[in-house]
Amino acid sequence: MDLRLTEEQEMVRRMARDFAQREVAPIAAELDEKGEVPFENIRKMGQLGLLGLTAPEEYGGGGADTVSYVLAVEEIARACASTAVVMAVQNSLVNYPLARFGTEEQKRRYLTPLARGEKIGAYALTEPEAGSDAAAIRTRAVREGDEYVINGTKHFITNGSFADIILLFASTDPSKGHRGISAFLVERGTPGFSVGKEENKMGIRATSTCELIFRDCRVPVANRLGEEGQGFKIALSALDAGRIGIGAQAVGIAQAAYEAALEYAKARVQFGQPIAKFQAIQWMLADMATRI
């Protein structure tokens, strides 16, 4: 098995690295401290194709493979964890399930602007009483003619406060448990949909993690993603893809931490020499490097 990167994969990594170090890294600490979302850099990521990197080319995406995507996420996370989260959610948790389960009309209407970076998406599964136990969600979607009436609250939703398109999961038949969950595409501005509490986080502060509230929110049947009762399958398939992005983010953050530790060890002088010359420090740095 040839583990060498292809020319295209190397090109994607260089592009992401150049952008991250030129545009993202210089302002990352300031934005994190202030809790400000880097909207300008999100827009630039869209222009570079990073927000639709793995989406099919016929819908405006880059058609890149998973390795290219992982390399790009790692480079962005190395510069700013918050910016990488926005990219990962868009690609893994929104674009991917839309491309896999969406109708042709849904792909044209929603996936295309998402893949082009013209729209931002959010994935709304978690609730106050349903975290790891995704099947316990209480948000209800009741069909009335050609619409579903949705009521419930979602919690800890990344990109939630500024997303244009929400991939929402709600129960259409509570008696069936996880087999009664369905998925819906909800547009920002839909009557009955509002943004609630914004979380004040310890880290990854330069992105939105918030509460989404649905009160008699009417969504067309045409906006149901997949069949009724298929939502749990859609949710888990998206999470499987999302975990790949989370791993890439972790590697990027670890790489940045290692580089910061190395530079500090070279600059910090004790007993007349940089602490990087002490073998105990060298062992620590070597252990960090090998684990990455």
Protein backbone atom coordinates (compact mmCIF):
# COMPACT_ATOMS: atom_id res chain seq x y z
CA MET A 1 0.00 0.00 0.00
CA ASP A 2 1.45 3.33 -1.09
CA LEU A 3 1.05 5.83 1.74
CA ARG A 4 2.70 8.70 -0.11
CA LEU A 5 0.52 11.72 -0.78
CA THR A 6 -0.60 12.33 -4.33
CA GLU A 7 0.23 15.56 -6.12
CA GLU A 8 -3.37 16.73 -5.65
CA GLN A 9 -3.30 15.98 -1.92
CA GLU A 10 -0.03 17.88 -1.53
CA MET A 11 -1.53 20.80 -3.44
CA VAL A 12 -4.57 20.93 -1.13
CA ARG A 13 -2.33 20.83 1.94
CA ARG A 14 -0.12 23.66 0.63
CA MET A 15 -3.14 25.78 -0.21
CA ALA A 16 -4.68 25.26 3.23
CA ARG A 17 -1.35 25.86 4.99
CA ASP A 18 -0.63 29.07 3.07
CA PHE A 19 -4.09 30.44 3.84
CA ALA A 20 -3.97 29.37 7.48
CA GLN A 21 -0.57 30.88 8.21
CA ARG A 22 -1.19 34.06 6.20
CA GLU A 23 -4.78 34.89 7.12
CA VAL A 24 -5.85 32.79 10.11
CA ALA A 25 -2.93 32.44 12.52
CA PRO A 26 -2.14 36.17 12.95
CA ILE A 27 -5.59 36.95 14.40
CA ALA A 28 -6.53 33.62 16.01
CA ALA A 29 -5.54 34.45 19.61
CA GLU A 30 -7.27 37.84 19.55
CA LEU A 31 -10.51 36.41 18.16
CA ASP A 32 -10.50 33.57 20.69
CA GLU A 33 -9.97 35.99 23.57
CA LYS A 34 -12.81 38.24 22.39
CA GLY A 35 -15.08 35.40 21.36
CA GLU A 36 -15.49 36.87 17.87
CA VAL A 37 -16.41 34.70 14.89
CA PRO A 38 -13.92 35.15 11.99
CA PHE A 39 -16.56 35.90 9.36
CA GLU A 40 -14.07 37.35 6.88
CA ASN A 41 -11.89 34.24 7.00
CA ILE A 42 -14.96 32.02 6.72
CA ARG A 43 -15.86 33.93 3.56
CA LYS A 44 -12.32 33.44 2.24
CA MET A 45 -12.46 29.71 3.01
CA GLY A 46 -15.57 29.56 0.87
CA GLN A 47 -13.81 31.30 -1.99
CA LEU A 48 -10.92 28.84 -1.75
CA GLY A 49 -13.30 25.87 -1.86
CA LEU A 50 -12.51 24.70 1.67
CA LEU A 51 -16.16 24.76 2.77
CA GLY A 52 -17.14 22.33 0.04
CA LEU A 53 -13.91 20.43 -0.38
CA THR A 54 -15.42 16.93 -0.50
CA ALA A 55 -18.80 17.81 -2.02
CA PRO A 56 -19.43 16.51 -5.57
CA GLU A 57 -18.15 18.79 -8.31
CA GLU A 58 -21.54 18.87 -10.05
CA TYR A 59 -22.91 20.72 -7.02
CA GLY A 60 -20.12 23.25 -6.76
CA GLY A 61 -17.80 21.23 -4.53
CA GLY A 62 -14.19 20.24 -4.91
CA GLY A 63 -14.77 16.50 -5.24
CA ALA A 64 -11.69 15.89 -3.09
CA ASP A 65 -10.96 12.63 -1.29
CA THR A 66 -11.02 12.16 2.47
CA VAL A 67 -7.22 12.37 2.83
CA SER A 68 -7.19 15.80 1.17
CA TYR A 69 -9.96 16.93 3.49
CA VAL A 70 -8.13 15.68 6.59
CA LEU A 71 -4.92 17.42 5.55
CA ALA A 72 -6.76 20.71 5.02
CA VAL A 73 -8.59 20.54 8.36
CA GLU A 74 -5.33 19.76 10.15
CA GLU A 75 -3.63 22.83 8.67
CA ILE A 76 -6.52 25.14 9.55
CA ALA A 77 -6.73 23.73 13.10
CA ARG A 78 -3.00 24.23 13.50
CA ALA A 79 -3.66 27.95 13.06
CA CYS A 80 -7.08 28.29 14.72
CA ALA A 81 -9.24 25.57 16.24
CA SER A 82 -12.40 27.67 15.92
CA THR A 83 -12.00 28.27 12.19
CA ALA A 84 -11.34 24.56 11.67
CA VAL A 85 -14.56 23.67 13.52
CA VAL A 86 -16.61 25.79 11.10
CA MET A 87 -14.96 24.04 8.16
CA ALA A 88 -15.40 20.56 9.62
CA VAL A 89 -19.08 21.01 10.49
CA GLN A 90 -19.84 22.32 7.02
CA ASN A 91 -18.09 19.48 5.19
CA SER A 92 -18.80 16.49 7.42
CA LEU A 93 -22.06 17.16 9.21
CA VAL A 94 -24.02 19.14 6.62
CA ASN A 95 -22.65 18.70 3.10
CA TYR A 96 -22.00 14.97 3.44
CA PRO A 97 -25.51 13.88 4.51
CA LEU A 98 -27.06 16.24 1.96
CA ALA A 99 -24.97 14.70 -0.82
CA ARG A 100 -25.77 11.17 0.33
CA PHE A 101 -29.46 11.41 1.23
CA GLY A 102 -30.76 14.53 -0.47
CA THR A 103 -33.08 14.67 -3.47
CA GLU A 104 -31.84 16.29 -6.64
CA GLU A 105 -33.89 19.38 -5.84
CA GLN A 106 -32.45 19.58 -2.31
CA LYS A 107 -28.92 19.24 -3.60
CA ARG A 108 -29.41 22.01 -6.15
CA ARG A 109 -31.13 24.31 -3.69
CA TYR A 110 -29.05 23.70 -0.57
CA LEU A 111 -25.89 21.71 -1.25
CA THR A 112 -24.70 23.94 -4.09
CA PRO A 113 -24.58 27.21 -2.07
CA LEU A 114 -23.13 25.33 0.90
CA ALA A 115 -20.39 23.75 -1.21
CA ARG A 116 -19.55 27.12 -2.75
CA GLY A 117 -19.31 28.73 0.68
CA GLU A 118 -22.20 31.08 -0.08
CA LYS A 119 -24.20 29.60 2.80
CA ILE A 120 -23.19 28.21 6.20
CA GLY A 121 -24.73 25.10 7.71
CA ALA A 122 -25.33 23.75 11.21
CA TYR A 123 -26.13 20.28 12.54
CA ALA A 124 -28.86 20.30 15.18
CA LEU A 125 -29.09 16.97 17.02
CA THR A 126 -28.10 17.53 20.67
CA GLU A 127 -30.73 18.53 23.23
CA PRO A 128 -30.61 19.31 26.97
CA GLU A 129 -31.76 15.74 27.72
CA ALA A 130 -30.23 14.01 24.69
CA GLY A 131 -26.47 14.15 24.28
CA SER A 132 -24.72 10.85 23.69
CA ASP A 133 -28.15 9.18 23.80
CA ALA A 134 -29.27 10.69 20.50
CA ALA A 135 -32.36 8.49 20.38
CA ALA A 136 -33.77 10.34 23.41
CA ILE A 137 -34.50 13.58 21.55
CA ARG A 138 -37.78 15.27 22.46
CA THR A 139 -38.12 17.75 19.61
CA ARG A 140 -41.32 16.82 17.77
CA ALA A 141 -42.28 17.19 14.12
CA VAL A 142 -45.99 16.67 13.46
CA ARG A 143 -47.19 16.47 9.88
CA GLU A 144 -50.05 18.73 8.87
CA GLY A 145 -50.78 18.42 5.16
CA ASP A 146 -47.75 19.50 3.15
CA GLU A 147 -45.89 20.77 6.21
CA TYR A 148 -44.34 19.59 9.45
CA VAL A 149 -44.90 21.63 12.60
CA ILE A 150 -41.75 21.47 14.72
CA ASN A 151 -41.48 22.18 18.44
CA GLY A 152 -38.43 21.73 20.65
CA THR A 153 -35.05 23.06 21.71
CA LYS A 154 -31.58 22.11 20.54
CA HIS A 155 -28.47 22.66 22.62
CA PHE A 156 -24.71 23.19 21.99
CA ILE A 157 -25.21 23.72 18.23
CA THR A 158 -21.99 24.74 16.47
CA ASN A 159 -22.41 27.57 13.92
CA GLY A 160 -25.98 27.89 15.21
CA SER A 161 -26.21 31.65 15.63
CA PHE A 162 -25.12 32.47 12.08
CA ALA A 163 -25.99 29.37 10.04
CA ASP A 164 -28.20 29.82 6.98
CA ILE A 165 -29.31 26.19 6.78
CA ILE A 166 -29.98 23.94 9.78
CA LEU A 167 -29.95 20.15 9.47
CA LEU A 168 -32.46 19.38 12.21
CA PHE A 169 -33.42 16.05 13.76
CA ALA A 170 -36.86 15.59 15.32
CA SER A 171 -39.14 12.74 16.31
CA THR A 172 -42.04 12.14 13.94
CA ASP A 173 -43.21 9.04 15.84
CA PRO A 174 -42.08 8.83 19.50
CA SER A 175 -43.56 5.34 19.85
CA LYS A 176 -40.87 3.98 17.53
CA GLY A 177 -37.88 5.32 19.47
CA HIS A 178 -34.86 5.93 17.25
CA ARG A 179 -36.78 4.51 14.27
CA GLY A 180 -39.22 7.40 14.61
CA ILE A 181 -36.62 10.15 14.09
CA SER A 182 -36.60 12.17 10.87
CA ALA A 183 -34.28 14.83 9.43
CA PHE A 184 -35.25 18.26 8.12
CA LEU A 185 -33.64 21.23 6.41
CA VAL A 186 -34.66 24.47 8.11
CA GLU A 187 -33.74 27.83 6.62
CA ARG A 188 -32.70 30.77 8.75
CA GLY A 189 -35.59 33.20 9.03
CA THR A 190 -38.28 30.53 9.02
CA PRO A 191 -41.13 31.71 11.30
CA GLY A 192 -41.01 29.93 14.64
CA PHE A 193 -37.24 29.44 14.55
CA SER A 194 -35.01 31.53 16.82
CA VAL A 195 -31.55 31.51 18.37
CA GLY A 196 -31.39 31.18 22.14
CA LYS A 197 -28.55 31.24 24.65
CA GLU A 198 -24.98 31.58 23.36
CA GLU A 199 -22.52 29.48 25.38
CA ASN A 200 -19.47 31.14 26.97
CA LYS A 201 -16.84 28.45 26.40
CA MET A 202 -13.41 27.85 27.91
CA GLY A 203 -11.85 27.27 24.49
CA ILE A 204 -12.67 27.32 20.77
CA ARG A 205 -14.37 30.63 21.57
CA ALA A 206 -14.20 32.17 18.10
CA THR A 207 -17.21 30.25 16.88
CA SER A 208 -20.84 29.97 17.90
CA THR A 209 -22.14 27.24 20.20
CA CYS A 210 -25.72 28.01 21.05
CA GLU A 211 -29.29 27.02 21.70
CA LEU A 212 -31.82 26.81 18.86
CA ILE A 213 -35.52 27.14 19.62
CA PHE A 214 -38.40 25.88 17.48
CA ARG A 215 -41.93 27.01 18.37
CA ASP A 216 -44.62 25.97 15.90
CA CYS A 217 -41.98 26.17 13.18
CA ARG A 218 -43.51 25.09 9.88
CA VAL A 219 -41.25 23.30 7.40
CA PRO A 220 -42.38 21.98 3.99
CA VAL A 221 -42.50 18.21 3.51
CA ALA A 222 -40.12 18.84 0.60
CA ASN A 223 -37.51 19.86 3.19
CA ARG A 224 -37.48 16.46 4.88
CA LEU A 225 -34.10 14.82 4.22
CA GLY A 226 -34.57 11.15 3.42
CA GLU A 227 -37.65 9.18 4.34
CA GLU A 228 -39.68 9.57 7.51
CA GLY A 229 -37.98 7.52 10.22
CA GLN A 230 -34.59 7.60 8.47
CA GLY A 231 -33.23 10.44 10.58
CA PHE A 232 -31.29 8.33 13.07
CA LYS A 233 -29.42 6.61 10.23
CA ILE A 234 -28.67 9.99 8.65
CA ALA A 235 -27.50 11.40 11.98
CA LEU A 236 -25.10 8.54 12.69
CA SER A 237 -23.66 8.50 9.17
CA ALA A 238 -22.93 12.21 9.48
CA LEU A 239 -21.32 11.70 12.90
CA ASP A 240 -19.10 8.96 11.47
CA ALA A 241 -17.84 11.43 8.87
CA GLY A 242 -17.58 14.14 11.51
CA ARG A 243 -15.32 12.08 13.74
CA ILE A 244 -12.73 12.00 10.98
CA GLY A 245 -12.70 15.79 10.99
CA ILE A 246 -12.48 15.88 14.79
CA GLY A 247 -9.41 13.65 14.65
CA ALA A 248 -7.79 15.93 12.08
CA GLN A 249 -8.52 18.97 14.24
CA ALA A 250 -6.92 17.26 17.25
CA VAL A 251 -3.75 16.53 15.28
CA GLY A 252 -3.57 20.13 14.06
CA ILE A 253 -4.03 21.52 17.56
CA ALA A 254 -1.40 19.11 18.91
CA GLN A 255 1.04 20.16 16.19
CA ALA A 256 0.57 23.83 17.11
CA ALA A 257 1.03 23.04 20.81
CA TYR A 258 4.24 21.16 20.08
CA GLU A 259 5.60 23.98 17.94
CA ALA A 260 4.79 26.53 20.65
CA ALA A 261 6.50 24.38 23.30
CA LEU A 262 9.57 23.92 21.12
CA GLU A 263 9.93 27.65 20.46
CA TYR A 264 9.51 28.43 24.14
CA ALA A 265 12.14 25.84 25.10
CA LYS A 266 14.58 27.45 22.67
CA ALA A 267 13.90 30.96 23.98
CA ARG A 268 13.66 30.32 27.73
CA VAL A 269 17.10 30.56 29.37
CA GLN A 270 17.93 29.02 32.76
CA PHE A 271 21.33 28.37 34.31
CA GLY A 272 22.99 30.13 31.41
CA GLN A 273 21.46 28.14 28.55
CA PRO A 274 18.14 27.54 26.75
CA ILE A 275 16.08 24.92 28.56
CA ALA A 276 15.91 23.01 25.26
CA LYS A 277 19.46 21.90 25.99
CA PHE A 278 18.40 20.03 29.13
CA GLN A 279 17.83 16.36 28.45
CA ALA A 280 14.64 16.18 30.53
CA ILE A 281 13.06 18.86 28.32
CA GLN A 282 14.36 17.12 25.20
CA TRP A 283 12.66 13.90 26.28
CA MET A 284 9.37 15.74 26.79
CA LEU A 285 9.58 17.35 23.35
CA ALA A 286 10.58 14.05 21.73
CA ASP A 287 7.62 12.29 23.35
CA MET A 288 5.29 15.00 22.05
CA ALA A 289 6.66 14.74 18.53
CA THR A 290 6.42 10.95 18.37
CA ARG A 291 2.84 10.95 19.69
CA ILE A 292 1.80 13.42 16.98
